[in-house]
Amino acid sequence: IKGFFPSPHNVMGSSTGAGSREFHVYRHLRRQEYQRQDFMDAMKKLKKNKLIAEEQTAKRRRKCQKLKEKKLLAKKSKLEQKKEDEADSDHSQEQTSEEEDGDAREDEEKEDNAEEMGR
């Protein structure tokens, strides 16, 4: 009958018959349990800090993305404005060059007429 029931390990008892060895076993088990609880608390805190850090990173990322988009829009509008200015100046130069061409033609015609009359 003695071998039929397995002897339990880590028996904790508060009876007066507990041996002096049981105190050391109890102390060891208590220390392990406290370490396990501390580890679980640390993991909870780590997860919480990780979530907070991810939220802050996402917030910064959105802010930077907004600034980049704003800069890009400003750059595009500046380029468009520059193109419009160039187109306006080209258009005015074409008008000016057309007027100059017209004046030059008139001058040539007058000179031709003067030469024909002089002959």
PDB file of N, CA and C in Angstrom:
ATOM      1  N   ILE A   1       0.828  -1.174   0.000  1.00  0.00           N
ATOM      2  CA  ILE A   1       0.000   0.000   0.000  1.00  0.00           C
ATOM      3  C   ILE A   1       0.876   1.243   0.000  1.00  0.00           C
ATOM      4  N   LYS A   2       2.033   1.192   0.505  1.00  0.00           N
ATOM      5  CA  LYS A   2       2.886   2.359   0.580  1.00  0.00           C
ATOM      6  C   LYS A   2       3.220   2.885  -0.814  1.00  0.00           C
ATOM      7  N   GLY A   3       3.484   2.077  -1.807  1.00  0.00           N
ATOM      8  CA  GLY A   3       3.847   2.510  -3.154  1.00  0.00           C
ATOM      9  C   GLY A   3       2.651   2.917  -3.985  1.00  0.00           C
ATOM     10  N   PHE A   4       1.437   2.619  -3.526  1.00  0.00           N
ATOM     11  CA  PHE A   4       0.243   2.925  -4.297  1.00  0.00           C
ATOM     12  C   PHE A   4      -0.049   4.414  -4.342  1.00  0.00           C
ATOM     13  N   PHE A   5       0.126   5.119  -3.261  1.00  0.00           N
ATOM     14  CA  PHE A   5      -0.093   6.559  -3.211  1.00  0.00           C
ATOM     15  C   PHE A   5       1.237   7.261  -3.419  1.00  0.00           C
ATOM     16  N   PRO A   6       1.312   8.078  -4.466  1.00  0.00           N
ATOM     17  CA  PRO A   6       2.577   8.791  -4.678  1.00  0.00           C
ATOM     18  C   PRO A   6       2.780   9.836  -3.605  1.00  0.00           C
ATOM     19  N   SER A   7       4.004   9.963  -3.171  1.00  0.00           N
ATOM     20  CA  SER A   7       4.276  10.954  -2.148  1.00  0.00           C
ATOM     21  C   SER A   7       4.266  12.339  -2.793  1.00  0.00           C
ATOM     22  N   PRO A   8       3.454  13.240  -2.274  1.00  0.00           N
ATOM     23  CA  PRO A   8       3.374  14.586  -2.873  1.00  0.00           C
ATOM     24  C   PRO A   8       4.636  15.383  -2.583  1.00  0.00           C
ATOM     25  N   HIS A   9       5.012  16.157  -3.584  1.00  0.00           N
ATOM     26  CA  HIS A   9       6.169  17.029  -3.404  1.00  0.00           C
ATOM     27  C   HIS A   9       5.686  18.405  -2.973  1.00  0.00           C
ATOM     28  N   ASN A  10       6.526  19.146  -2.383  1.00  0.00           N
ATOM     29  CA  ASN A  10       6.228  20.512  -1.954  1.00  0.00           C
ATOM     30  C   ASN A  10       4.988  20.565  -1.058  1.00  0.00           C
ATOM     31  N   VAL A  11       4.989  19.728  -0.079  1.00  0.00           N
ATOM     32  CA  VAL A  11       3.854  19.700   0.844  1.00  0.00           C
ATOM     33  C   VAL A  11       3.980  20.882   1.786  1.00  0.00           C
ATOM     34  N   MET A  12       2.905  21.651   1.863  1.00  0.00           N
ATOM     35  CA  MET A  12       2.884  22.796   2.768  1.00  0.00           C
ATOM     36  C   MET A  12       1.892  22.487   3.880  1.00  0.00           C
ATOM     37  N   GLY A  13       2.325  22.648   5.062  1.00  0.00           N
ATOM     38  CA  GLY A  13       1.432  22.411   6.181  1.00  0.00           C
ATOM     39  C   GLY A  13       1.767  23.335   7.324  1.00  0.00           C
ATOM     40  N   SER A  14       0.754  23.615   8.099  1.00  0.00           N
ATOM     41  CA  SER A  14       0.998  24.480   9.247  1.00  0.00           C
ATOM     42  C   SER A  14       0.848  23.701  10.542  1.00  0.00           C
ATOM     43  N   SER A  15       0.864  22.422  10.411  1.00  0.00           N
ATOM     44  CA  SER A  15       0.692  21.619  11.620  1.00  0.00           C
ATOM     45  C   SER A  15       1.975  21.650  12.452  1.00  0.00           C
ATOM     46  N   THR A  16       1.829  21.309  13.672  1.00  0.00           N
ATOM     47  CA  THR A  16       2.981  21.345  14.558  1.00  0.00           C
ATOM     48  C   THR A  16       3.984  20.259  14.226  1.00  0.00           C
ATOM     49  N   GLY A  17       3.558  19.294  13.460  1.00  0.00           N
ATOM     50  CA  GLY A  17       4.461  18.209  13.126  1.00  0.00           C
ATOM     51  C   GLY A  17       5.313  18.482  11.910  1.00  0.00           C
ATOM     52  N   ALA A  18       5.178  19.664  11.285  1.00  0.00           N
ATOM     53  CA  ALA A  18       5.967  19.983  10.094  1.00  0.00           C
ATOM     54  C   ALA A  18       7.425  20.083  10.484  1.00  0.00           C
ATOM     55  N   GLY A  19       8.252  19.521   9.639  1.00  0.00           N
ATOM     56  CA  GLY A  19       9.677  19.536   9.933  1.00  0.00           C
ATOM     57  C   GLY A  19      10.312  20.870   9.582  1.00  0.00           C
ATOM     58  N   SER A  20      11.540  21.011  10.005  1.00  0.00           N
ATOM     59  CA  SER A  20      12.257  22.268   9.753  1.00  0.00           C
ATOM     60  C   SER A  20      12.561  22.439   8.274  1.00  0.00           C
ATOM     61  N   ARG A  21      12.586  21.346   7.526  1.00  0.00           N
ATOM     62  CA  ARG A  21      12.858  21.416   6.090  1.00  0.00           C
ATOM     63  C   ARG A  21      11.715  22.100   5.349  1.00  0.00           C
ATOM     64  N   GLU A  22      10.492  21.961   5.832  1.00  0.00           N
ATOM     65  CA  GLU A  22       9.321  22.510   5.150  1.00  0.00           C
ATOM     66  C   GLU A  22       9.377  24.025   5.049  1.00  0.00           C
ATOM     67  N   PHE A  23       9.981  24.666   6.008  1.00  0.00           N
ATOM     68  CA  PHE A  23      10.066  26.132   5.953  1.00  0.00           C
ATOM     69  C   PHE A  23      10.863  26.585   4.743  1.00  0.00           C
ATOM     70  N   HIS A  24      11.953  25.907   4.455  1.00  0.00           N
ATOM     71  CA  HIS A  24      12.801  26.293   3.331  1.00  0.00           C
ATOM     72  C   HIS A  24      12.088  26.041   2.000  1.00  0.00           C
ATOM     73  N   VAL A  25      11.330  24.956   1.927  1.00  0.00           N
ATOM     74  CA  VAL A  25      10.541  24.659   0.721  1.00  0.00           C
ATOM     75  C   VAL A  25       9.498  25.750   0.529  1.00  0.00           C
ATOM     76  N   TYR A  26       8.809  26.116   1.624  1.00  0.00           N
ATOM     77  CA  TYR A  26       7.792  27.162   1.560  1.00  0.00           C
ATOM     78  C   TYR A  26       8.406  28.477   1.107  1.00  0.00           C
ATOM     79  N   ARG A  27       9.543  28.821   1.660  1.00  0.00           N
ATOM     80  CA  ARG A  27      10.210  30.071   1.313  1.00  0.00           C
ATOM     81  C   ARG A  27      10.583  30.087  -0.166  1.00  0.00           C
ATOM     82  N   HIS A  28      11.092  28.966  -0.663  1.00  0.00           N
ATOM     83  CA  HIS A  28      11.470  28.857  -2.082  1.00  0.00           C
ATOM     84  C   HIS A  28      10.247  29.014  -2.992  1.00  0.00           C
ATOM     85  N   LEU A  29       9.155  28.325  -2.647  1.00  0.00           N
ATOM     86  CA  LEU A  29       7.934  28.426  -3.455  1.00  0.00           C
ATOM     87  C   LEU A  29       7.353  29.845  -3.420  1.00  0.00           C
ATOM     88  N   ARG A  30       7.401  30.463  -2.261  1.00  0.00           N
ATOM     89  CA  ARG A  30       6.903  31.835  -2.128  1.00  0.00           C
ATOM     90  C   ARG A  30       7.720  32.779  -3.009  1.00  0.00           C
ATOM     91  N   ARG A  31       9.041  32.620  -2.991  1.00  0.00           N
ATOM     92  CA  ARG A  31       9.919  33.463  -3.804  1.00  0.00           C
ATOM     93  C   ARG A  31       9.610  33.270  -5.290  1.00  0.00           C
ATOM     94  N   GLN A  32       9.409  31.999  -5.714  1.00  0.00           N
ATOM     95  CA  GLN A  32       9.076  31.737  -7.111  1.00  0.00           C
ATOM     96  C   GLN A  32       7.754  32.393  -7.499  1.00  0.00           C
ATOM     97  N   GLU A  33       6.772  32.325  -6.635  1.00  0.00           N
ATOM     98  CA  GLU A  33       5.463  32.923  -6.929  1.00  0.00           C
ATOM     99  C   GLU A  33       5.572  34.444  -7.025  1.00  0.00           C
ATOM    100  N   TYR A  34       6.326  35.051  -6.138  1.00  0.00           N
ATOM    101  CA  TYR A  34       6.512  36.504  -6.193  1.00  0.00           C
ATOM    102  C   TYR A  34       7.240  36.909  -7.476  1.00  0.00           C
ATOM    103  N   GLN A  35       8.229  36.122  -7.850  1.00  0.00           N
ATOM    104  CA  GLN A  35       8.940  36.409  -9.101  1.00  0.00           C
ATOM    105  C   GLN A  35       8.003  36.294 -10.299  1.00  0.00           C
ATOM    106  N   ARG A  36       7.147  35.284 -10.288  1.00  0.00           N
ATOM    107  CA  ARG A  36       6.189  35.101 -11.378  1.00  0.00           C
ATOM    108  C   ARG A  36       5.221  36.286 -11.445  1.00  0.00           C
ATOM    109  N   GLN A  37       4.729  36.731 -10.291  1.00  0.00           N
ATOM    110  CA  GLN A  37       3.816  37.865 -10.256  1.00  0.00           C
ATOM    111  C   GLN A  37       4.518  39.153 -10.715  1.00  0.00           C
ATOM    112  N   ASP A  38       5.755  39.336 -10.245  1.00  0.00           N
ATOM    113  CA  ASP A  38       6.510  40.516 -10.675  1.00  0.00           C
ATOM    114  C   ASP A  38       6.738  40.496 -12.188  1.00  0.00           C
ATOM    115  N   PHE A  39       7.038  39.306 -12.723  1.00  0.00           N
ATOM    116  CA  PHE A  39       7.247  39.176 -14.164  1.00  0.00           C
ATOM    117  C   PHE A  39       5.969  39.511 -14.927  1.00  0.00           C
ATOM    118  N   MET A  40       4.834  39.006 -14.437  1.00  0.00           N
ATOM    119  CA  MET A  40       3.557  39.292 -15.099  1.00  0.00           C
ATOM    120  C   MET A  40       3.236  40.791 -15.040  1.00  0.00           C
ATOM    121  N   ASP A  41       3.510  41.420 -13.901  1.00  0.00           N
ATOM    122  CA  ASP A  41       3.290  42.861 -13.779  1.00  0.00           C
ATOM    123  C   ASP A  41       4.196  43.641 -14.739  1.00  0.00           C
ATOM    124  N   ALA A  42       5.447  43.199 -14.828  1.00  0.00           N
ATOM    125  CA  ALA A  42       6.386  43.861 -15.737  1.00  0.00           C
ATOM    126  C   ALA A  42       5.939  43.712 -17.191  1.00  0.00           C
ATOM    127  N   MET A  43       5.412  42.544 -17.540  1.00  0.00           N
ATOM    128  CA  MET A  43       4.930  42.324 -18.908  1.00  0.00           C
ATOM    129  C   MET A  43       3.725  43.211 -19.204  1.00  0.00           C
ATOM    130  N   LYS A  44       2.819  43.356 -18.232  1.00  0.00           N
ATOM    131  CA  LYS A  44       1.666  44.248 -18.413  1.00  0.00           C
ATOM    132  C   LYS A  44       2.137  45.683 -18.635  1.00  0.00           C
ATOM    133  N   LYS A  45       3.102  46.108 -17.799  1.00  0.00           N
ATOM    134  CA  LYS A  45       3.619  47.459 -17.905  1.00  0.00           C
ATOM    135  C   LYS A  45       4.324  47.652 -19.248  1.00  0.00           C
ATOM    136  N   LEU A  46       5.048  46.638 -19.688  1.00  0.00           N
ATOM    137  CA  LEU A  46       5.748  46.700 -20.972  1.00  0.00           C
ATOM    138  C   LEU A  46       4.757  46.837 -22.126  1.00  0.00           C
ATOM    139  N   LYS A  47       3.676  46.045 -22.086  1.00  0.00           N
ATOM    140  CA  LYS A  47       2.656  46.136 -23.134  1.00  0.00           C
ATOM    141  C   LYS A  47       2.007  47.518 -23.141  1.00  0.00           C
ATOM    142  N   LYS A  48       1.715  48.031 -21.948  1.00  0.00           N
ATOM    143  CA  LYS A  48       1.094  49.355 -21.831  1.00  0.00           C
ATOM    144  C   LYS A  48       2.020  50.429 -22.403  1.00  0.00           C
ATOM    145  N   ASN A  49       3.298  50.378 -22.029  1.00  0.00           N
ATOM    146  CA  ASN A  49       4.270  51.344 -22.535  1.00  0.00           C
ATOM    147  C   ASN A  49       4.433  51.234 -24.053  1.00  0.00           C
ATOM    148  N   LYS A  50       4.392  50.002 -24.548  1.00  0.00           N
ATOM    149  CA  LYS A  50       4.516  49.789 -25.988  1.00  0.00           C
ATOM    150  C   LYS A  50       3.336  50.413 -26.731  1.00  0.00           C
ATOM    151  N   LEU A  51       2.125  50.228 -26.192  1.00  0.00           N
ATOM    152  CA  LEU A  51       0.945  50.836 -26.810  1.00  0.00           C
ATOM    153  C   LEU A  51       1.032  52.355 -26.794  1.00  0.00           C
ATOM    154  N   ILE A  52       1.465  52.913 -25.674  1.00  0.00           N
ATOM    155  CA  ILE A  52       1.609  54.368 -25.563  1.00  0.00           C
ATOM    156  C   ILE A  52       2.641  54.864 -26.570  1.00  0.00           C
ATOM    157  N   ALA A  53       3.744  54.154 -26.678  1.00  0.00           N
ATOM    158  CA  ALA A  53       4.797  54.550 -27.621  1.00  0.00           C
ATOM    159  C   ALA A  53       4.293  54.465 -29.062  1.00  0.00           C
ATOM    160  N   GLU A  54       3.526  53.440 -29.386  1.00  0.00           N
ATOM    161  CA  GLU A  54       2.972  53.300 -30.734  1.00  0.00           C
ATOM    162  C   GLU A  54       2.006  54.433 -31.044  1.00  0.00           C
ATOM    163  N   GLU A  55       1.192  54.822 -30.051  1.00  0.00           N
ATOM    164  CA  GLU A  55       0.261  55.927 -30.247  1.00  0.00           C
ATOM    165  C   GLU A  55       1.019  57.229 -30.498  1.00  0.00           C
ATOM    166  N   GLN A  56       2.054  57.472 -29.717  1.00  0.00           N
ATOM    167  CA  GLN A  56       2.852  58.689 -29.893  1.00  0.00           C
ATOM    168  C   GLN A  56       3.546  58.687 -31.248  1.00  0.00           C
ATOM    169  N   THR A  57       4.054  57.529 -31.645  1.00  0.00           N
ATOM    170  CA  THR A  57       4.722  57.422 -32.935  1.00  0.00           C
ATOM    171  C   THR A  57       3.729  57.685 -34.059  1.00  0.00           C
ATOM    172  N   ALA A  58       2.542  57.129 -33.945  1.00  0.00           N
ATOM    173  CA  ALA A  58       1.514  57.345 -34.969  1.00  0.00           C
ATOM    174  C   ALA A  58       1.135  58.820 -35.040  1.00  0.00           C
ATOM    175  N   LYS A  59       1.034  59.457 -33.890  1.00  0.00           N
ATOM    176  CA  LYS A  59       0.695  60.883 -33.851  1.00  0.00           C
ATOM    177  C   LYS A  59       1.789  61.704 -34.523  1.00  0.00           C
ATOM    178  N   ARG A  60       3.048  61.413 -34.208  1.00  0.00           N
ATOM    179  CA  ARG A  60       4.169  62.124 -34.835  1.00  0.00           C
ATOM    180  C   ARG A  60       4.206  61.862 -36.340  1.00  0.00           C
ATOM    181  N   ARG A  61       3.942  60.617 -36.721  1.00  0.00           N
ATOM    182  CA  ARG A  61       3.951  60.247 -38.134  1.00  0.00           C
ATOM    183  C   ARG A  61       2.882  61.042 -38.902  1.00  0.00           C
ATOM    184  N   ARG A  62       1.669  61.148 -38.303  1.00  0.00           N
ATOM    185  CA  ARG A  62       0.602  61.926 -38.942  1.00  0.00           C
ATOM    186  C   ARG A  62       1.006  63.392 -39.074  1.00  0.00           C
ATOM    187  N   LYS A  63       1.630  63.922 -38.031  1.00  0.00           N
ATOM    188  CA  LYS A  63       2.050  65.321 -38.045  1.00  0.00           C
ATOM    189  C   LYS A  63       3.099  65.565 -39.126  1.00  0.00           C
ATOM    190  N   CYS A  64       4.079  64.683 -39.209  1.00  0.00           N
ATOM    191  CA  CYS A  64       5.123  64.819 -40.233  1.00  0.00           C
ATOM    192  C   CYS A  64       4.532  64.678 -41.625  1.00  0.00           C
ATOM    193  N   GLN A  65       3.602  63.745 -41.788  1.00  0.00           N
ATOM    194  CA  GLN A  65       2.972  63.547 -43.090  1.00  0.00           C
ATOM    195  C   GLN A  65       2.198  64.793 -43.496  1.00  0.00           C
ATOM    196  N   LYS A  66       1.502  65.410 -42.543  1.00  0.00           N
ATOM    197  CA  LYS A  66       0.780  66.653 -42.814  1.00  0.00           C
ATOM    198  C   LYS A  66       1.734  67.737 -43.278  1.00  0.00           C
ATOM    199  N   LEU A  67       2.860  67.875 -42.574  1.00  0.00           N
ATOM    200  CA  LEU A  67       3.841  68.891 -42.944  1.00  0.00           C
ATOM    201  C   LEU A  67       4.408  68.633 -44.327  1.00  0.00           C
ATOM    202  N   LYS A  68       4.689  67.372 -44.647  1.00  0.00           N
ATOM    203  CA  LYS A  68       5.207  67.032 -45.971  1.00  0.00           C
ATOM    204  C   LYS A  68       4.199  67.378 -47.053  1.00  0.00           C
ATOM    205  N   GLU A  69       2.932  67.055 -46.810  1.00  0.00           N
ATOM    206  CA  GLU A  69       1.894  67.363 -47.789  1.00  0.00           C
ATOM    207  C   GLU A  69       1.763  68.876 -47.964  1.00  0.00           C
ATOM    208  N   LYS A  70       1.840  69.601 -46.858  1.00  0.00           N
ATOM    209  CA  LYS A  70       1.744  71.054 -46.913  1.00  0.00           C
ATOM    210  C   LYS A  70       2.897  71.638 -47.721  1.00  0.00           C
ATOM    211  N   LYS A  71       4.104  71.147 -47.480  1.00  0.00           N
ATOM    212  CA  LYS A  71       5.267  71.614 -48.227  1.00  0.00           C
ATOM    213  C   LYS A  71       5.138  71.272 -49.706  1.00  0.00           C
ATOM    214  N   LEU A  72       4.659  70.071 -49.992  1.00  0.00           N
ATOM    215  CA  LEU A  72       4.494  69.638 -51.375  1.00  0.00           C
ATOM    216  C   LEU A  72       3.467  70.506 -52.094  1.00  0.00           C
ATOM    217  N   LEU A  73       2.357  70.813 -51.419  1.00  0.00           N
ATOM    218  CA  LEU A  73       1.347  71.689 -52.014  1.00  0.00           C
ATOM    219  C   LEU A  73       1.909  73.081 -52.263  1.00  0.00           C
ATOM    220  N   ALA A  74       2.672  73.594 -51.314  1.00  0.00           N
ATOM    221  CA  ALA A  74       3.274  74.909 -51.480  1.00  0.00           C
ATOM    222  C   ALA A  74       4.251  74.903 -52.661  1.00  0.00           C
ATOM    223  N   LYS A  75       5.021  73.841 -52.769  1.00  0.00           N
ATOM    224  CA  LYS A  75       5.985  73.732 -53.869  1.00  0.00           C
ATOM    225  C   LYS A  75       5.260  73.654 -55.208  1.00  0.00           C
ATOM    226  N   LYS A  76       4.184  72.856 -55.277  1.00  0.00           N
ATOM    227  CA  LYS A  76       3.419  72.737 -56.520  1.00  0.00           C
ATOM    228  C   LYS A  76       2.801  74.067 -56.911  1.00  0.00           C
ATOM    229  N   SER A  77       2.214  74.756 -55.936  1.00  0.00           N
ATOM    230  CA  SER A  77       1.586  76.035 -56.252  1.00  0.00           C
ATOM    231  C   SER A  77       2.632  77.058 -56.697  1.00  0.00           C
ATOM    232  N   LYS A  78       3.807  76.992 -56.095  1.00  0.00           N
ATOM    233  CA  LYS A  78       4.885  77.899 -56.492  1.00  0.00           C
ATOM    234  C   LYS A  78       5.329  77.609 -57.918  1.00  0.00           C
ATOM    235  N   LEU A  79       5.455  76.319 -58.273  1.00  0.00           N
ATOM    236  CA  LEU A  79       5.830  75.951 -59.637  1.00  0.00           C
ATOM    237  C   LEU A  79       4.758  76.384 -60.635  1.00  0.00           C
ATOM    238  N   GLU A  80       3.488  76.180 -60.272  1.00  0.00           N
ATOM    239  CA  GLU A  80       2.401  76.596 -61.146  1.00  0.00           C
ATOM    240  C   GLU A  80       2.417  78.100 -61.344  1.00  0.00           C
ATOM    241  N   GLN A  81       2.642  78.833 -60.266  1.00  0.00           N
ATOM    242  CA  GLN A  81       2.714  80.288 -60.352  1.00  0.00           C
ATOM    243  C   GLN A  81       3.875  80.705 -61.252  1.00  0.00           C
ATOM    244  N   LYS A  82       4.992  80.027 -61.114  1.00  0.00           N
ATOM    245  CA  LYS A  82       6.161  80.346 -61.932  1.00  0.00           C
ATOM    246  C   LYS A  82       5.867  80.063 -63.404  1.00  0.00           C
ATOM    247  N   LYS A  83       5.198  78.932 -63.691  1.00  0.00           N
ATOM    248  CA  LYS A  83       4.838  78.597 -65.069  1.00  0.00           C
ATOM    249  C   LYS A  83       3.883  79.640 -65.642  1.00  0.00           C
ATOM    250  N   GLU A  84       2.914  80.068 -64.827  1.00  0.00           N
ATOM    251  CA  GLU A  84       1.970  81.090 -65.279  1.00  0.00           C
ATOM    252  C   GLU A  84       2.703  82.394 -65.578  1.00  0.00           C
ATOM    253  N   ASP A  85       3.628  82.764 -64.698  1.00  0.00           N
ATOM    254  CA  ASP A  85       4.399  83.988 -64.917  1.00  0.00           C
ATOM    255  C   ASP A  85       5.224  83.890 -66.193  1.00  0.00           C
ATOM    256  N   GLU A  86       5.834  82.717 -66.402  1.00  0.00           N
ATOM    257  CA  GLU A  86       6.625  82.523 -67.626  1.00  0.00           C
ATOM    258  C   GLU A  86       5.728  82.564 -68.852  1.00  0.00           C
ATOM    259  N   ALA A  87       4.557  81.954 -68.764  1.00  0.00           N
ATOM    260  CA  ALA A  87       3.629  81.961 -69.889  1.00  0.00           C
ATOM    261  C   ALA A  87       3.163  83.390 -70.174  1.00  0.00           C
ATOM    262  N   ASP A  88       2.885  84.152 -69.119  1.00  0.00           N
ATOM    263  CA  ASP A  88       2.473  85.546 -69.310  1.00  0.00           C
ATOM    264  C   ASP A  88       3.599  86.357 -69.933  1.00  0.00           C
ATOM    265  N   SER A  89       4.823  86.152 -69.431  1.00  0.00           N
ATOM    266  CA  SER A  89       5.954  86.914 -69.972  1.00  0.00           C
ATOM    267  C   SER A  89       6.240  86.477 -71.403  1.00  0.00           C
ATOM    268  N   ASP A  90       6.105  85.197 -71.713  1.00  0.00           N
ATOM    269  CA  ASP A  90       6.285  84.718 -73.088  1.00  0.00           C
ATOM    270  C   ASP A  90       5.230  85.317 -73.991  1.00  0.00           C
ATOM    271  N   HIS A  91       4.010  85.365 -73.514  1.00  0.00           N
ATOM    272  CA  HIS A  91       2.912  85.915 -74.299  1.00  0.00           C
ATOM    273  C   HIS A  91       3.151  87.401 -74.556  1.00  0.00           C
ATOM    274  N   SER A  92       3.581  88.130 -73.524  1.00  0.00           N
ATOM    275  CA  SER A  92       3.848  89.554 -73.705  1.00  0.00           C
ATOM    276  C   SER A  92       5.068  89.763 -74.601  1.00  0.00           C
ATOM    277  N   GLN A  93       6.056  88.866 -74.513  1.00  0.00           N
ATOM    278  CA  GLN A  93       7.228  88.979 -75.387  1.00  0.00           C
ATOM    279  C   GLN A  93       6.838  88.702 -76.829  1.00  0.00           C
ATOM    280  N   GLU A  94       5.932  87.751 -77.030  1.00  0.00           N
ATOM    281  CA  GLU A  94       5.469  87.465 -78.383  1.00  0.00           C
ATOM    282  C   GLU A  94       4.755  88.672 -78.961  1.00  0.00           C
ATOM    283  N   GLN A  95       3.931  89.321 -78.141  1.00  0.00           N
ATOM    284  CA  GLN A  95       3.233  90.517 -78.607  1.00  0.00           C
ATOM    285  C   GLN A  95       4.235  91.614 -78.930  1.00  0.00           C
ATOM    286  N   THR A  96       5.219  91.763 -78.045  1.00  0.00           N
ATOM    287  CA  THR A  96       6.233  92.788 -78.264  1.00  0.00           C
ATOM    288  C   THR A  96       7.037  92.470 -79.513  1.00  0.00           C
ATOM    289  N   SER A  97       7.410  91.212 -79.686  1.00  0.00           N
ATOM    290  CA  SER A  97       8.189  90.840 -80.865  1.00  0.00           C
ATOM    291  C   SER A  97       7.357  90.980 -82.127  1.00  0.00           C
ATOM    292  N   GLU A  98       6.059  90.709 -82.050  1.00  0.00           N
ATOM    293  CA  GLU A  98       5.196  90.895 -83.206  1.00  0.00           C
ATOM    294  C   GLU A  98       5.101  92.373 -83.563  1.00  0.00           C
ATOM    295  N   GLU A  99       5.000  93.226 -82.528  1.00  0.00           N
ATOM    296  CA  GLU A  99       4.946  94.660 -82.773  1.00  0.00           C
ATOM    297  C   GLU A  99       6.267  95.134 -83.384  1.00  0.00           C
ATOM    298  N   GLU A 100       7.377  94.607 -82.852  1.00  0.00           N
ATOM    299  CA  GLU A 100       8.683  94.982 -83.397  1.00  0.00           C
ATOM    300  C   GLU A 100       8.812  94.503 -84.833  1.00  0.00           C
ATOM    301  N   ASP A 101       8.338  93.280 -85.110  1.00  0.00           N
ATOM    302  CA  ASP A 101       8.375  92.759 -86.476  1.00  0.00           C
ATOM    303  C   ASP A 101       7.544  93.645 -87.393  1.00  0.00           C
ATOM    304  N   GLY A 102       6.377  94.049 -86.902  1.00  0.00           N
ATOM    305  CA  GLY A 102       5.516  94.932 -87.696  1.00  0.00           C
ATOM    306  C   GLY A 102       6.188  96.263 -87.949  1.00  0.00           C
ATOM    307  N   ASP A 103       6.842  96.848 -86.940  1.00  0.00           N
ATOM    308  CA  ASP A 103       7.554  98.115 -87.083  1.00  0.00           C
ATOM    309  C   ASP A 103       8.721  97.951 -88.038  1.00  0.00           C
ATOM    310  N   ALA A 104       9.418  96.833 -87.928  1.00  0.00           N
ATOM    311  CA  ALA A 104      10.566  96.590 -88.802  1.00  0.00           C
ATOM    312  C   ALA A 104      10.094  96.455 -90.251  1.00  0.00           C
ATOM    313  N   ARG A 105       9.004  95.797 -90.466  1.00  0.00           N
ATOM    314  CA  ARG A 105       8.464  95.652 -91.820  1.00  0.00           C
ATOM    315  C   ARG A 105       8.064  97.011 -92.386  1.00  0.00           C
ATOM    316  N   GLU A 106       7.436  97.813 -91.536  1.00  0.00           N
ATOM    317  CA  GLU A 106       7.048  99.150 -91.992  1.00  0.00           C
ATOM    318  C   GLU A 106       8.278  99.965 -92.344  1.00  0.00           C
ATOM    319  N   ASP A 107       9.313  99.867 -91.512  1.00  0.00           N
ATOM    320  CA  ASP A 107      10.553 100.598 -91.789  1.00  0.00           C
ATOM    321  C   ASP A 107      11.170 100.113 -93.085  1.00  0.00           C
ATOM    322  N   GLU A 108      11.174  98.809 -93.312  1.00  0.00           N
ATOM    323  CA  GLU A 108      11.727  98.254 -94.548  1.00  0.00           C
ATOM    324  C   GLU A 108      10.920  98.729 -95.749  1.00  0.00           C
ATOM    325  N   GLU A 109       9.608  98.751 -95.604  1.00  0.00           N
ATOM    326  CA  GLU A 109       8.768  99.205 -96.702  1.00  0.00           C
ATOM    327  C   GLU A 109       9.036 100.677 -97.014  1.00  0.00           C
ATOM    328  N   LYS A 110       9.179 101.482 -95.979  1.00  0.00           N
ATOM    329  CA  LYS A 110       9.467 102.903 -96.183  1.00  0.00           C
ATOM    330  C   LYS A 110      10.805 103.078 -96.874  1.00  0.00           C
ATOM    331  N   GLU A 111      11.795 102.290 -96.437  1.00  0.00           N
ATOM    332  CA  GLU A 111      13.119 102.389 -97.067  1.00  0.00           C
ATOM    333  C   GLU A 111      13.049 101.941 -98.525  1.00  0.00           C
ATOM    334  N   ASP A 112      12.292 100.868 -98.765  1.00  0.00           N
ATOM    335  CA  ASP A 112      12.133 100.387-100.143  1.00  0.00           C
ATOM    336  C   ASP A 112      11.439 101.457-100.996  1.00  0.00           C
ATOM    337  N   ASN A 113      10.426 102.055-100.439  1.00  0.00           N
ATOM    338  CA  ASN A 113       9.704 103.103-101.161  1.00  0.00           C
ATOM    339  C   ASN A 113      10.625 104.289-101.414  1.00  0.00           C
ATOM    340  N   ALA A 114      11.439 104.641-100.441  1.00  0.00           N
ATOM    341  CA  ALA A 114      12.339 105.769-100.583  1.00  0.00           C
ATOM    342  C   ALA A 114      13.391 105.453-101.641  1.00  0.00           C
ATOM    343  N   GLU A 115      13.881 104.247-101.674  1.00  0.00           N
ATOM    344  CA  GLU A 115      14.865 103.862-102.676  1.00  0.00           C
ATOM    345  C   GLU A 115      14.244 103.856-104.073  1.00  0.00           C
ATOM    346  N   GLU A 116      13.018 103.394-104.158  1.00  0.00           N
ATOM    347  CA  GLU A 116      12.328 103.380-105.464  1.00  0.00           C
ATOM    348  C   GLU A 116      12.086 104.799-105.946  1.00  0.00           C
ATOM    349  N   MET A 117      11.750 105.680-105.084  1.00  0.00           N
ATOM    350  CA  MET A 117      11.511 107.063-105.467  1.00  0.00           C
ATOM    351  C   MET A 117      12.815 107.751-105.828  1.00  0.00           C
ATOM    352  N   GLY A 118      13.864 107.358-105.162  1.00  0.00           N
ATOM    353  CA  GLY A 118      15.157 107.958-105.390  1.00  0.00           C
ATOM    354  C   GLY A 118      15.738 107.496-106.695  1.00  0.00           C
ATOM    355  N   ARG A 119      15.317 106.490-107.298  1.00  0.00           N
ATOM    356  CA  ARG A 119      15.881 105.975-108.525  1.00  0.00           C
ATOM    357  C   ARG A 119      15.371 106.698-109.675  1.00  0.00           C
TER     358      ARG A 119
END
